[in-house]
PDB file of N, CA and C in Angstrom:
ATOM      1  N   MET A   1      64.316  51.727  -3.342  1.00  0.00           N
ATOM      2  CA  MET A   1      63.070  51.305  -2.762  1.00  0.00           C
ATOM      3  C   MET A   1      63.367  50.173  -1.773  1.00  0.00           C
ATOM      4  N   HIS A   2      62.723  50.225  -0.607  1.00  0.00           N
ATOM      5  CA  HIS A   2      62.921  49.219   0.428  1.00  0.00           C
ATOM      6  C   HIS A   2      61.577  48.804   1.012  1.00  0.00           C
ATOM      7  N   ILE A   3      61.492  47.587   1.446  1.00  0.00           N
ATOM      8  CA  ILE A   3      60.302  47.135   2.165  1.00  0.00           C
ATOM      9  C   ILE A   3      60.509  47.461   3.631  1.00  0.00           C
ATOM     10  N   ARG A   4      59.628  48.255   4.197  1.00  0.00           N
ATOM     11  CA  ARG A   4      59.731  48.642   5.603  1.00  0.00           C
ATOM     12  C   ARG A   4      58.570  48.070   6.415  1.00  0.00           C
ATOM     13  N   LEU A   5      57.374  47.961   5.777  1.00  0.00           N
ATOM     14  CA  LEU A   5      56.178  47.462   6.453  1.00  0.00           C
ATOM     15  C   LEU A   5      55.545  46.365   5.616  1.00  0.00           C
ATOM     16  N   LEU A   6      55.022  45.352   6.275  1.00  0.00           N
ATOM     17  CA  LEU A   6      54.278  44.294   5.619  1.00  0.00           C
ATOM     18  C   LEU A   6      53.041  44.042   6.466  1.00  0.00           C
ATOM     19  N   SER A   7      51.861  44.182   5.870  1.00  0.00           N
ATOM     20  CA  SER A   7      50.619  43.995   6.622  1.00  0.00           C
ATOM     21  C   SER A   7      50.187  42.534   6.619  1.00  0.00           C
ATOM     22  N   LEU A   8      49.718  42.083   7.766  1.00  0.00           N
ATOM     23  CA  LEU A   8      49.173  40.747   7.930  1.00  0.00           C
ATOM     24  C   LEU A   8      47.778  40.906   8.522  1.00  0.00           C
ATOM     25  N   LEU A   9      46.760  40.448   7.806  1.00  0.00           N
ATOM     26  CA  LEU A   9      45.388  40.562   8.280  1.00  0.00           C
ATOM     27  C   LEU A   9      45.181  39.666   9.493  1.00  0.00           C
ATOM     28  N   VAL A  10      44.608  40.219  10.560  1.00  0.00           N
ATOM     29  CA  VAL A  10      44.325  39.425  11.757  1.00  0.00           C
ATOM     30  C   VAL A  10      42.904  39.727  12.234  1.00  0.00           C
ATOM     31  N   ASP A  11      42.232  38.705  12.742  1.00  0.00           N
ATOM     32  CA  ASP A  11      40.852  38.904  13.190  1.00  0.00           C
ATOM     33  C   ASP A  11      40.756  39.388  14.632  1.00  0.00           C
ATOM     34  N   ASP A  12      41.880  39.420  15.347  1.00  0.00           N
ATOM     35  CA  ASP A  12      41.897  39.899  16.732  1.00  0.00           C
ATOM     36  C   ASP A  12      43.314  40.392  17.037  1.00  0.00           C
ATOM     37  N   GLN A  13      43.465  41.704  17.170  1.00  0.00           N
ATOM     38  CA  GLN A  13      44.810  42.252  17.355  1.00  0.00           C
ATOM     39  C   GLN A  13      45.454  41.828  18.670  1.00  0.00           C
ATOM     40  N   ALA A  14      44.680  41.753  19.743  1.00  0.00           N
ATOM     41  CA  ALA A  14      45.257  41.359  21.035  1.00  0.00           C
ATOM     42  C   ALA A  14      45.762  39.918  20.981  1.00  0.00           C
ATOM     43  N   ARG A  15      44.956  39.023  20.413  1.00  0.00           N
ATOM     44  CA  ARG A  15      45.374  37.624  20.297  1.00  0.00           C
ATOM     45  C   ARG A  15      46.576  37.513  19.364  1.00  0.00           C
ATOM     46  N   ALA A  16      46.558  38.298  18.280  1.00  0.00           N
ATOM     47  CA  ALA A  16      47.680  38.269  17.339  1.00  0.00           C
ATOM     48  C   ALA A  16      48.965  38.715  18.017  1.00  0.00           C
ATOM     49  N   LEU A  17      48.896  39.806  18.786  1.00  0.00           N
ATOM     50  CA  LEU A  17      50.093  40.283  19.487  1.00  0.00           C
ATOM     51  C   LEU A  17      50.624  39.212  20.425  1.00  0.00           C
ATOM     52  N   GLN A  18      49.747  38.563  21.152  1.00  0.00           N
ATOM     53  CA  GLN A  18      50.179  37.507  22.067  1.00  0.00           C
ATOM     54  C   GLN A  18      50.834  36.362  21.305  1.00  0.00           C
ATOM     55  N   PHE A  19      50.193  35.896  20.226  1.00  0.00           N
ATOM     56  CA  PHE A  19      50.731  34.773  19.459  1.00  0.00           C
ATOM     57  C   PHE A  19      52.064  35.126  18.800  1.00  0.00           C
ATOM     58  N   TYR A  20      52.125  36.278  18.155  1.00  0.00           N
ATOM     59  CA  TYR A  20      53.323  36.642  17.404  1.00  0.00           C
ATOM     60  C   TYR A  20      54.505  36.984  18.311  1.00  0.00           C
ATOM     61  N   THR A  21      54.239  37.405  19.548  1.00  0.00           N
ATOM     62  CA  THR A  21      55.344  37.686  20.473  1.00  0.00           C
ATOM     63  C   THR A  21      55.640  36.478  21.350  1.00  0.00           C
ATOM     64  N   GLU A  22      54.660  35.988  22.088  1.00  0.00           N
ATOM     65  CA  GLU A  22      54.912  34.914  23.058  1.00  0.00           C
ATOM     66  C   GLU A  22      55.183  33.566  22.413  1.00  0.00           C
ATOM     67  N   THR A  23      54.541  33.270  21.288  1.00  0.00           N
ATOM     68  CA  THR A  23      54.727  31.963  20.656  1.00  0.00           C
ATOM     69  C   THR A  23      55.807  32.000  19.575  1.00  0.00           C
ATOM     70  N   LEU A  24      55.689  32.960  18.657  1.00  0.00           N
ATOM     71  CA  LEU A  24      56.649  32.995  17.550  1.00  0.00           C
ATOM     72  C   LEU A  24      57.958  33.674  17.913  1.00  0.00           C
ATOM     73  N   GLY A  25      57.945  34.595  18.883  1.00  0.00           N
ATOM     74  CA  GLY A  25      59.186  35.212  19.337  1.00  0.00           C
ATOM     75  C   GLY A  25      59.504  36.577  18.761  1.00  0.00           C
ATOM     76  N   PHE A  26      58.564  37.176  18.026  1.00  0.00           N
ATOM     77  CA  PHE A  26      58.768  38.552  17.571  1.00  0.00           C
ATOM     78  C   PHE A  26      58.631  39.481  18.773  1.00  0.00           C
ATOM     79  N   VAL A  27      59.024  40.740  18.602  1.00  0.00           N
ATOM     80  CA  VAL A  27      58.873  41.725  19.676  1.00  0.00           C
ATOM     81  C   VAL A  27      58.022  42.884  19.172  1.00  0.00           C
ATOM     82  N   LYS A  28      57.241  43.454  20.084  1.00  0.00           N
ATOM     83  CA  LYS A  28      56.385  44.581  19.729  1.00  0.00           C
ATOM     84  C   LYS A  28      57.250  45.807  19.461  1.00  0.00           C
ATOM     85  N   LYS A  29      56.964  46.501  18.363  1.00  0.00           N
ATOM     86  CA  LYS A  29      57.691  47.730  18.039  1.00  0.00           C
ATOM     87  C   LYS A  29      56.777  48.946  18.199  1.00  0.00           C
ATOM     88  N   SER A  30      55.579  48.897  17.631  1.00  0.00           N
ATOM     89  CA  SER A  30      54.652  50.029  17.694  1.00  0.00           C
ATOM     90  C   SER A  30      53.309  49.562  18.219  1.00  0.00           C
ATOM     91  N   ASP A  31      52.688  50.416  19.029  1.00  0.00           N
ATOM     92  CA  ASP A  31      51.347  50.136  19.527  1.00  0.00           C
ATOM     93  C   ASP A  31      50.672  51.481  19.783  1.00  0.00           C
ATOM     94  N   VAL A  32      49.945  51.954  18.766  1.00  0.00           N
ATOM     95  CA  VAL A  32      49.324  53.275  18.810  1.00  0.00           C
ATOM     96  C   VAL A  32      47.813  53.110  18.690  1.00  0.00           C
ATOM     97  N   PRO A  33      47.038  53.564  19.681  1.00  0.00           N
ATOM     98  CA  PRO A  33      45.579  53.474  19.591  1.00  0.00           C
ATOM     99  C   PRO A  33      45.040  54.290  18.407  1.00  0.00           C
ATOM    100  N   LEU A  34      44.111  53.682  17.669  1.00  0.00           N
ATOM    101  CA  LEU A  34      43.464  54.345  16.535  1.00  0.00           C
ATOM    102  C   LEU A  34      41.974  54.030  16.588  1.00  0.00           C
ATOM    103  N   GLY A  35      41.264  54.651  17.499  1.00  0.00           N
ATOM    104  CA  GLY A  35      39.845  54.341  17.653  1.00  0.00           C
ATOM    105  C   GLY A  35      39.677  52.950  18.219  1.00  0.00           C
ATOM    106  N   GLU A  36      38.878  52.128  17.552  1.00  0.00           N
ATOM    107  CA  GLU A  36      38.647  50.767  18.060  1.00  0.00           C
ATOM    108  C   GLU A  36      39.802  49.815  17.737  1.00  0.00           C
ATOM    109  N   HIS A  37      40.722  50.244  16.881  1.00  0.00           N
ATOM    110  CA  HIS A  37      41.872  49.415  16.500  1.00  0.00           C
ATOM    111  C   HIS A  37      43.167  50.099  16.925  1.00  0.00           C
ATOM    112  N   ARG A  38      44.290  49.473  16.549  1.00  0.00           N
ATOM    113  CA  ARG A  38      45.607  49.998  16.895  1.00  0.00           C
ATOM    114  C   ARG A  38      46.529  49.892  15.690  1.00  0.00           C
ATOM    115  N   TRP A  39      47.512  50.807  15.631  1.00  0.00           N
ATOM    116  CA  TRP A  39      48.637  50.632  14.709  1.00  0.00           C
ATOM    117  C   TRP A  39      49.612  49.774  15.489  1.00  0.00           C
ATOM    118  N   LEU A  40      49.674  48.496  15.145  1.00  0.00           N
ATOM    119  CA  LEU A  40      50.379  47.506  15.944  1.00  0.00           C
ATOM    120  C   LEU A  40      51.371  46.774  15.060  1.00  0.00           C
ATOM    121  N   THR A  41      52.656  46.860  15.418  1.00  0.00           N
ATOM    122  CA  THR A  41      53.672  46.184  14.620  1.00  0.00           C
ATOM    123  C   THR A  41      54.589  45.351  15.507  1.00  0.00           C
ATOM    124  N   VAL A  42      55.140  44.300  14.913  1.00  0.00           N
ATOM    125  CA  VAL A  42      56.153  43.466  15.560  1.00  0.00           C
ATOM    126  C   VAL A  42      57.337  43.347  14.613  1.00  0.00           C
ATOM    127  N   VAL A  43      58.492  43.032  15.203  1.00  0.00           N
ATOM    128  CA  VAL A  43      59.725  42.879  14.422  1.00  0.00           C
ATOM    129  C   VAL A  43      60.510  41.671  14.925  1.00  0.00           C
ATOM    130  N   ASP A  44      61.425  41.242  14.098  1.00  0.00           N
ATOM    131  CA  ASP A  44      62.388  40.210  14.473  1.00  0.00           C
ATOM    132  C   ASP A  44      63.273  40.817  15.576  1.00  0.00           C
ATOM    133  N   PRO A  45      63.441  40.142  16.723  1.00  0.00           N
ATOM    134  CA  PRO A  45      64.249  40.718  17.801  1.00  0.00           C
ATOM    135  C   PRO A  45      65.706  40.948  17.416  1.00  0.00           C
ATOM    136  N   THR A  46      66.209  40.244  16.408  1.00  0.00           N
ATOM    137  CA  THR A  46      67.590  40.441  15.981  1.00  0.00           C
ATOM    138  C   THR A  46      67.721  41.575  14.968  1.00  0.00           C
ATOM    139  N   GLU A  47      66.576  42.097  14.499  1.00  0.00           N
ATOM    140  CA  GLU A  47      66.572  43.198  13.532  1.00  0.00           C
ATOM    141  C   GLU A  47      65.515  44.229  13.934  1.00  0.00           C
ATOM    142  N   PRO A  48      65.720  44.909  15.080  1.00  0.00           N
ATOM    143  CA  PRO A  48      64.693  45.836  15.573  1.00  0.00           C
ATOM    144  C   PRO A  48      64.384  47.001  14.639  1.00  0.00           C
ATOM    145  N   ASP A  49      65.296  47.317  13.731  1.00  0.00           N
ATOM    146  CA  ASP A  49      65.047  48.382  12.759  1.00  0.00           C
ATOM    147  C   ASP A  49      64.761  47.814  11.371  1.00  0.00           C
ATOM    148  N   GLY A  50      64.473  46.517  11.322  1.00  0.00           N
ATOM    149  CA  GLY A  50      64.175  45.861  10.048  1.00  0.00           C
ATOM    150  C   GLY A  50      62.708  45.992   9.680  1.00  0.00           C
ATOM    151  N   VAL A  51      62.254  45.098   8.839  1.00  0.00           N
ATOM    152  CA  VAL A  51      60.866  45.104   8.359  1.00  0.00           C
ATOM    153  C   VAL A  51      59.911  44.926   9.541  1.00  0.00           C
ATOM    154  N   GLU A  52      58.882  45.778   9.574  1.00  0.00           N
ATOM    155  CA  GLU A  52      57.849  45.678  10.602  1.00  0.00           C
ATOM    156  C   GLU A  52      56.653  44.927  10.040  1.00  0.00           C
ATOM    157  N   LEU A  53      56.156  43.969  10.793  1.00  0.00           N
ATOM    158  CA  LEU A  53      54.957  43.227  10.440  1.00  0.00           C
ATOM    159  C   LEU A  53      53.780  43.927  11.101  1.00  0.00           C
ATOM    160  N   VAL A  54      52.895  44.504  10.289  1.00  0.00           N
ATOM    161  CA  VAL A  54      51.733  45.219  10.796  1.00  0.00           C
ATOM    162  C   VAL A  54      50.628  44.199  11.051  1.00  0.00           C
ATOM    163  N   LEU A  55      50.163  44.117  12.290  1.00  0.00           N
ATOM    164  CA  LEU A  55      49.052  43.225  12.639  1.00  0.00           C
ATOM    165  C   LEU A  55      47.774  44.003  12.338  1.00  0.00           C
ATOM    166  N   GLU A  56      47.343  43.871  11.103  1.00  0.00           N
ATOM    167  CA  GLU A  56      46.297  44.696  10.491  1.00  0.00           C
ATOM    168  C   GLU A  56      44.905  44.168  10.839  1.00  0.00           C
ATOM    169  N   PRO A  57      44.072  44.999  11.483  1.00  0.00           N
ATOM    170  CA  PRO A  57      42.727  44.548  11.841  1.00  0.00           C
ATOM    171  C   PRO A  57      41.841  44.392  10.608  1.00  0.00           C
ATOM    172  N   LEU A  58      40.917  43.450  10.691  1.00  0.00           N
ATOM    173  CA  LEU A  58      39.978  43.207   9.597  1.00  0.00           C
ATOM    174  C   LEU A  58      38.799  44.172   9.710  1.00  0.00           C
ATOM    175  N   GLY A  59      39.018  45.424   9.351  1.00  0.00           N
ATOM    176  CA  GLY A  59      37.968  46.424   9.428  1.00  0.00           C
ATOM    177  C   GLY A  59      37.271  46.651   8.106  1.00  0.00           C
ATOM    178  N   PHE A  60      37.609  45.884   7.088  1.00  0.00           N
ATOM    179  CA  PHE A  60      37.078  46.066   5.742  1.00  0.00           C
ATOM    180  C   PHE A  60      36.519  44.727   5.286  1.00  0.00           C
ATOM    181  N   ALA A  61      35.217  44.648   5.046  1.00  0.00           N
ATOM    182  CA  ALA A  61      34.545  43.374   4.748  1.00  0.00           C
ATOM    183  C   ALA A  61      35.228  42.559   3.645  1.00  0.00           C
ATOM    184  N   PRO A  62      35.631  43.159   2.516  1.00  0.00           N
ATOM    185  CA  PRO A  62      36.317  42.359   1.497  1.00  0.00           C
ATOM    186  C   PRO A  62      37.621  41.722   1.990  1.00  0.00           C
ATOM    187  N   ALA A  63      38.303  42.382   2.920  1.00  0.00           N
ATOM    188  CA  ALA A  63      39.524  41.803   3.478  1.00  0.00           C
ATOM    189  C   ALA A  63      39.193  40.538   4.257  1.00  0.00           C
ATOM    190  N   ARG A  64      38.110  40.564   5.017  1.00  0.00           N
ATOM    191  CA  ARG A  64      37.691  39.376   5.779  1.00  0.00           C
ATOM    192  C   ARG A  64      37.351  38.228   4.824  1.00  0.00           C
ATOM    193  N   THR A  65      36.638  38.542   3.739  1.00  0.00           N
ATOM    194  CA  THR A  65      36.284  37.528   2.744  1.00  0.00           C
ATOM    195  C   THR A  65      37.535  36.918   2.134  1.00  0.00           C
ATOM    196  N   TYR A  66      38.497  37.766   1.803  1.00  0.00           N
ATOM    197  CA  TYR A  66      39.768  37.320   1.226  1.00  0.00           C
ATOM    198  C   TYR A  66      40.506  36.405   2.206  1.00  0.00           C
ATOM    199  N   GLN A  67      40.615  36.839   3.467  1.00  0.00           N
ATOM    200  CA  GLN A  67      41.320  36.049   4.469  1.00  0.00           C
ATOM    201  C   GLN A  67      40.645  34.689   4.652  1.00  0.00           C
ATOM    202  N   GLN A  68      39.332  34.681   4.772  1.00  0.00           N
ATOM    203  CA  GLN A  68      38.595  33.429   4.989  1.00  0.00           C
ATOM    204  C   GLN A  68      38.737  32.484   3.795  1.00  0.00           C
ATOM    205  N   ALA A  69      38.719  33.019   2.579  1.00  0.00           N
ATOM    206  CA  ALA A  69      38.854  32.184   1.387  1.00  0.00           C
ATOM    207  C   ALA A  69      40.242  31.546   1.320  1.00  0.00           C
ATOM    208  N   LEU A  70      41.288  32.326   1.608  1.00  0.00           N
ATOM    209  CA  LEU A  70      42.642  31.768   1.629  1.00  0.00           C
ATOM    210  C   LEU A  70      42.759  30.670   2.684  1.00  0.00           C
ATOM    211  N   TYR A  71      42.244  30.946   3.871  1.00  0.00           N
ATOM    212  CA  TYR A  71      42.339  29.982   4.969  1.00  0.00           C
ATOM    213  C   TYR A  71      41.617  28.686   4.607  1.00  0.00           C
ATOM    214  N   ALA A  72      40.396  28.805   4.100  1.00  0.00           N
ATOM    215  CA  ALA A  72      39.602  27.622   3.739  1.00  0.00           C
ATOM    216  C   ALA A  72      40.290  26.787   2.661  1.00  0.00           C
ATOM    217  N   ALA A  73      41.005  27.450   1.754  1.00  0.00           N
ATOM    218  CA  ALA A  73      41.710  26.744   0.689  1.00  0.00           C
ATOM    219  C   ALA A  73      43.058  26.196   1.145  1.00  0.00           C
ATOM    220  N   GLY A  74      43.474  26.533   2.380  1.00  0.00           N
ATOM    221  CA  GLY A  74      44.755  26.059   2.891  1.00  0.00           C
ATOM    222  C   GLY A  74      45.947  26.824   2.351  1.00  0.00           C
ATOM    223  N   ILE A  75      45.704  28.017   1.820  1.00  0.00           N
ATOM    224  CA  ILE A  75      46.772  28.817   1.218  1.00  0.00           C
ATOM    225  C   ILE A  75      47.357  29.769   2.263  1.00  0.00           C
ATOM    226  N   PRO A  76      48.664  29.751   2.441  1.00  0.00           N
ATOM    227  CA  PRO A  76      49.286  30.671   3.394  1.00  0.00           C
ATOM    228  C   PRO A  76      49.153  32.126   2.950  1.00  0.00           C
ATOM    229  N   LEU A  77      48.892  33.009   3.908  1.00  0.00           N
ATOM    230  CA  LEU A  77      48.817  34.431   3.612  1.00  0.00           C
ATOM    231  C   LEU A  77      50.209  35.016   3.418  1.00  0.00           C
ATOM    232  N   THR A  78      51.193  34.477   4.136  1.00  0.00           N
ATOM    233  CA  THR A  78      52.576  34.925   3.987  1.00  0.00           C
ATOM    234  C   THR A  78      53.503  33.803   4.429  1.00  0.00           C
ATOM    235  N   ALA A  79      54.793  34.052   4.322  1.00  0.00           N
ATOM    236  CA  ALA A  79      55.790  33.048   4.696  1.00  0.00           C
ATOM    237  C   ALA A  79      56.904  33.708   5.492  1.00  0.00           C
ATOM    238  N   PHE A  80      57.463  32.945   6.422  1.00  0.00           N
ATOM    239  CA  PHE A  80      58.605  33.391   7.216  1.00  0.00           C
ATOM    240  C   PHE A  80      59.767  32.439   6.967  1.00  0.00           C
ATOM    241  N   HIS A  81      60.945  33.001   6.766  1.00  0.00           N
ATOM    242  CA  HIS A  81      62.151  32.196   6.568  1.00  0.00           C
ATOM    243  C   HIS A  81      62.686  31.749   7.919  1.00  0.00           C
ATOM    244  N   VAL A  82      63.093  30.509   8.006  1.00  0.00           N
ATOM    245  CA  VAL A  82      63.740  29.971   9.204  1.00  0.00           C
ATOM    246  C   VAL A  82      64.980  29.199   8.768  1.00  0.00           C
ATOM    247  N   GLU A  83      65.929  29.084   9.680  1.00  0.00           N
ATOM    248  CA  GLU A  83      67.162  28.354   9.367  1.00  0.00           C
ATOM    249  C   GLU A  83      66.924  26.847   9.311  1.00  0.00           C
ATOM    250  N   ASP A  84      66.017  26.344  10.171  1.00  0.00           N
ATOM    251  CA  ASP A  84      65.772  24.909  10.263  1.00  0.00           C
ATOM    252  C   ASP A  84      64.277  24.672  10.484  1.00  0.00           C
ATOM    253  N   VAL A  85      63.574  24.308   9.421  1.00  0.00           N
ATOM    254  CA  VAL A  85      62.122  24.120   9.508  1.00  0.00           C
ATOM    255  C   VAL A  85      61.777  23.014  10.505  1.00  0.00           C
ATOM    256  N   GLN A  86      62.501  21.919  10.491  1.00  0.00           N
ATOM    257  CA  GLN A  86      62.185  20.815  11.397  1.00  0.00           C
ATOM    258  C   GLN A  86      62.293  21.246  12.855  1.00  0.00           C
ATOM    259  N   ARG A  87      63.359  21.948  13.188  1.00  0.00           N
ATOM    260  CA  ARG A  87      63.552  22.411  14.560  1.00  0.00           C
ATOM    261  C   ARG A  87      62.441  23.397  14.970  1.00  0.00           C
ATOM    262  N   GLU A  88      62.092  24.314  14.069  1.00  0.00           N
ATOM    263  CA  GLU A  88      61.040  25.293  14.370  1.00  0.00           C
ATOM    264  C   GLU A  88      59.681  24.608  14.480  1.00  0.00           C
ATOM    265  N   TYR A  89      59.440  23.636  13.624  1.00  0.00           N
ATOM    266  CA  TYR A  89      58.208  22.839  13.683  1.00  0.00           C
ATOM    267  C   TYR A  89      58.083  22.160  15.047  1.00  0.00           C
ATOM    268  N   GLU A  90      59.143  21.528  15.510  1.00  0.00           N
ATOM    269  CA  GLU A  90      59.114  20.837  16.796  1.00  0.00           C
ATOM    270  C   GLU A  90      58.930  21.819  17.958  1.00  0.00           C
ATOM    271  N   ARG A  91      59.588  22.969  17.899  1.00  0.00           N
ATOM    272  CA  ARG A  91      59.450  23.985  18.944  1.00  0.00           C
ATOM    273  C   ARG A  91      58.009  24.491  19.016  1.00  0.00           C
ATOM    274  N   LEU A  92      57.449  24.818  17.864  1.00  0.00           N
ATOM    275  CA  LEU A  92      56.092  25.362  17.836  1.00  0.00           C
ATOM    276  C   LEU A  92      55.045  24.307  18.197  1.00  0.00           C
ATOM    277  N   ARG A  93      55.235  23.080  17.744  1.00  0.00           N
ATOM    278  CA  ARG A  93      54.298  21.997  18.124  1.00  0.00           C
ATOM    279  C   ARG A  93      54.287  21.818  19.639  1.00  0.00           C
ATOM    280  N   ALA A  94      55.449  21.899  20.265  1.00  0.00           N
ATOM    281  CA  ALA A  94      55.536  21.767  21.724  1.00  0.00           C
ATOM    282  C   ALA A  94      54.782  22.892  22.429  1.00  0.00           C
ATOM    283  N   LEU A  95      54.611  24.030  21.752  1.00  0.00           N
ATOM    284  CA  LEU A  95      53.866  25.163  22.312  1.00  0.00           C
ATOM    285  C   LEU A  95      52.376  25.103  21.962  1.00  0.00           C
ATOM    286  N   GLY A  96      51.969  24.045  21.259  1.00  0.00           N
ATOM    287  CA  GLY A  96      50.555  23.861  20.937  1.00  0.00           C
ATOM    288  C   GLY A  96      50.122  24.404  19.590  1.00  0.00           C
ATOM    289  N   VAL A  97      51.062  24.845  18.760  1.00  0.00           N
ATOM    290  CA  VAL A  97      50.709  25.368  17.442  1.00  0.00           C
ATOM    291  C   VAL A  97      50.254  24.219  16.548  1.00  0.00           C
ATOM    292  N   ARG A  98      49.155  24.461  15.823  1.00  0.00           N
ATOM    293  CA  ARG A  98      48.591  23.456  14.911  1.00  0.00           C
ATOM    294  C   ARG A  98      49.158  23.632  13.509  1.00  0.00           C
ATOM    295  N   PHE A  99      49.681  22.557  12.956  1.00  0.00           N
ATOM    296  CA  PHE A  99      50.235  22.565  11.603  1.00  0.00           C
ATOM    297  C   PHE A  99      49.302  21.832  10.656  1.00  0.00           C
ATOM    298  N   SER A 100      49.076  22.411   9.482  1.00  0.00           N
ATOM    299  CA  SER A 100      48.303  21.725   8.442  1.00  0.00           C
ATOM    300  C   SER A 100      49.229  21.021   7.461  1.00  0.00           C
ATOM    301  N   MET A 101      50.510  21.373   7.509  1.00  0.00           N
ATOM    302  CA  MET A 101      51.511  20.695   6.680  1.00  0.00           C
ATOM    303  C   MET A 101      52.793  20.564   7.489  1.00  0.00           C
ATOM    304  N   GLU A 102      53.207  19.337   7.707  1.00  0.00           N
ATOM    305  CA  GLU A 102      54.464  19.078   8.406  1.00  0.00           C
ATOM    306  C   GLU A 102      55.623  19.444   7.479  1.00  0.00           C
ATOM    307  N   PRO A 103      56.837  19.552   8.004  1.00  0.00           N
ATOM    308  CA  PRO A 103      57.970  19.874   7.133  1.00  0.00           C
ATOM    309  C   PRO A 103      58.037  18.931   5.933  1.00  0.00           C
ATOM    310  N   THR A 104      58.089  19.545   4.757  1.00  0.00           N
ATOM    311  CA  THR A 104      58.050  18.804   3.498  1.00  0.00           C
ATOM    312  C   THR A 104      59.081  19.399   2.548  1.00  0.00           C
ATOM    313  N   GLU A 105      59.934  18.536   1.998  1.00  0.00           N
ATOM    314  CA  GLU A 105      60.915  18.997   1.020  1.00  0.00           C
ATOM    315  C   GLU A 105      60.238  19.166  -0.322  1.00  0.00           C
ATOM    316  N   MET A 106      60.482  20.322  -0.933  1.00  0.00           N
ATOM    317  CA  MET A 106      59.957  20.610  -2.277  1.00  0.00           C
ATOM    318  C   MET A 106      61.103  21.212  -3.083  1.00  0.00           C
ATOM    319  N   GLY A 107      61.816  20.356  -3.752  1.00  0.00           N
ATOM    320  CA  GLY A 107      62.976  20.825  -4.507  1.00  0.00           C
ATOM    321  C   GLY A 107      64.049  21.320  -3.560  1.00  0.00           C
ATOM    322  N   ALA A 108      64.457  22.568  -3.742  1.00  0.00           N
ATOM    323  CA  ALA A 108      65.554  23.133  -2.956  1.00  0.00           C
ATOM    324  C   ALA A 108      65.097  23.731  -1.625  1.00  0.00           C
ATOM    325  N   VAL A 109      63.792  23.678  -1.331  1.00  0.00           N
ATOM    326  CA  VAL A 109      63.285  24.266  -0.091  1.00  0.00           C
ATOM    327  C   VAL A 109      62.530  23.232   0.726  1.00  0.00           C
ATOM    328  N   THR A 110      62.425  23.503   2.023  1.00  0.00           N
ATOM    329  CA  THR A 110      61.589  22.712   2.919  1.00  0.00           C
ATOM    330  C   THR A 110      60.545  23.667   3.474  1.00  0.00           C
ATOM    331  N   LEU A 111      59.290  23.224   3.473  1.00  0.00           N
ATOM    332  CA  LEU A 111      58.165  24.057   3.877  1.00  0.00           C
ATOM    333  C   LEU A 111      57.362  23.387   4.980  1.00  0.00           C
ATOM    334  N   ALA A 112      56.680  24.188   5.769  1.00  0.00           N
ATOM    335  CA  ALA A 112      55.674  23.720   6.724  1.00  0.00           C
ATOM    336  C   ALA A 112      54.639  24.838   6.810  1.00  0.00           C
ATOM    337  N   VAL A 113      53.407  24.493   7.180  1.00  0.00           N
ATOM    338  CA  VAL A 113      52.339  25.494   7.270  1.00  0.00           C
ATOM    339  C   VAL A 113      51.613  25.326   8.595  1.00  0.00           C
ATOM    340  N   PHE A 114      51.398  26.463   9.306  1.00  0.00           N
ATOM    341  CA  PHE A 114      50.702  26.428  10.587  1.00  0.00           C
ATOM    342  C   PHE A 114      49.583  27.460  10.635  1.00  0.00           C
ATOM    343  N   ASP A 115      48.692  27.275  11.603  1.00  0.00           N
ATOM    344  CA  ASP A 115      47.567  28.166  11.874  1.00  0.00           C
ATOM    345  C   ASP A 115      48.022  29.186  12.908  1.00  0.00           C
ATOM    346  N   ASP A 116      47.868  30.485  12.589  1.00  0.00           N
ATOM    347  CA  ASP A 116      48.356  31.516  13.511  1.00  0.00           C
ATOM    348  C   ASP A 116      47.326  31.932  14.570  1.00  0.00           C
ATOM    349  N   THR A 117      46.213  31.252  14.658  1.00  0.00           N
ATOM    350  CA  THR A 117      45.112  31.504  15.610  1.00  0.00           C
ATOM    351  C   THR A 117      44.377  32.811  15.330  1.00  0.00           C
ATOM    352  N   CYS A 118      44.735  33.504  14.285  1.00  0.00           N
ATOM    353  CA  CYS A 118      44.145  34.814  13.965  1.00  0.00           C
ATOM    354  C   CYS A 118      43.525  34.829  12.574  1.00  0.00           C
ATOM    355  N   GLY A 119      43.262  33.622  12.028  1.00  0.00           N
ATOM    356  CA  GLY A 119      42.593  33.510  10.742  1.00  0.00           C
ATOM    357  C   GLY A 119      43.498  33.234   9.561  1.00  0.00           C
ATOM    358  N   ASN A 120      44.772  32.936   9.809  1.00  0.00           N
ATOM    359  CA  ASN A 120      45.729  32.766   8.706  1.00  0.00           C
ATOM    360  C   ASN A 120      46.474  31.444   8.772  1.00  0.00           C
ATOM    361  N   ASN A 121      46.804  30.954   7.592  1.00  0.00           N
ATOM    362  CA  ASN A 121      47.811  29.921   7.445  1.00  0.00           C
ATOM    363  C   ASN A 121      49.117  30.658   7.170  1.00  0.00           C
ATOM    364  N   ILE A 122      50.174  30.271   7.873  1.00  0.00           N
ATOM    365  CA  ILE A 122      51.486  30.889   7.691  1.00  0.00           C
ATOM    366  C   ILE A 122      52.468  29.791   7.309  1.00  0.00           C
ATOM    367  N   GLN A 123      53.285  30.062   6.319  1.00  0.00           N
ATOM    368  CA  GLN A 123      54.251  29.088   5.834  1.00  0.00           C
ATOM    369  C   GLN A 123      55.637  29.379   6.394  1.00  0.00           C
ATOM    370  N   LEU A 124      56.314  28.343   6.814  1.00  0.00           N
ATOM    371  CA  LEU A 124      57.723  28.432   7.194  1.00  0.00           C
ATOM    372  C   LEU A 124      58.534  27.920   6.017  1.00  0.00           C
ATOM    373  N   VAL A 125      59.625  28.593   5.689  1.00  0.00           N
ATOM    374  CA  VAL A 125      60.444  28.233   4.530  1.00  0.00           C
ATOM    375  C   VAL A 125      61.901  28.147   4.971  1.00  0.00           C
ATOM    376  N   GLN A 126      62.532  27.059   4.569  1.00  0.00           N
ATOM    377  CA  GLN A 126      63.983  26.886   4.755  1.00  0.00           C
ATOM    378  C   GLN A 126      64.578  26.639   3.384  1.00  0.00           C
ATOM    379  N   GLY A 127      65.634  27.361   3.076  1.00  0.00           N
ATOM    380  CA  GLY A 127      66.306  27.110   1.799  1.00  0.00           C
ATOM    381  C   GLY A 127      66.404  28.321   0.935  1.00  0.00           C
TER     382      GLY A 127
END
């Protein structure tokens, strides 16, 4: 068994694609029209055949409620591993990304949390 796809709820697919590619540095892998939405995925540019992040539209009311509740509570919807949280924090801050938690050591890991502009808190993890 392997993880090939991971869905991330987004409130605007076009804005999500822009943020996840232009700001975070992922690359678009799939973009297939599906009525009012798209099958839209991005991948790590160093692993084009690796796990695809599905930028999943909020077309289901309970999903929107779930996303909003997590965001309001400050809970990250998912986490991305980075080699150096401090360096990534500084790079993203310079691009205007808003952080709700600056790099913080918690035992053997260092964490930071940012707003992805699409309704989610995303955690960066080093360690």
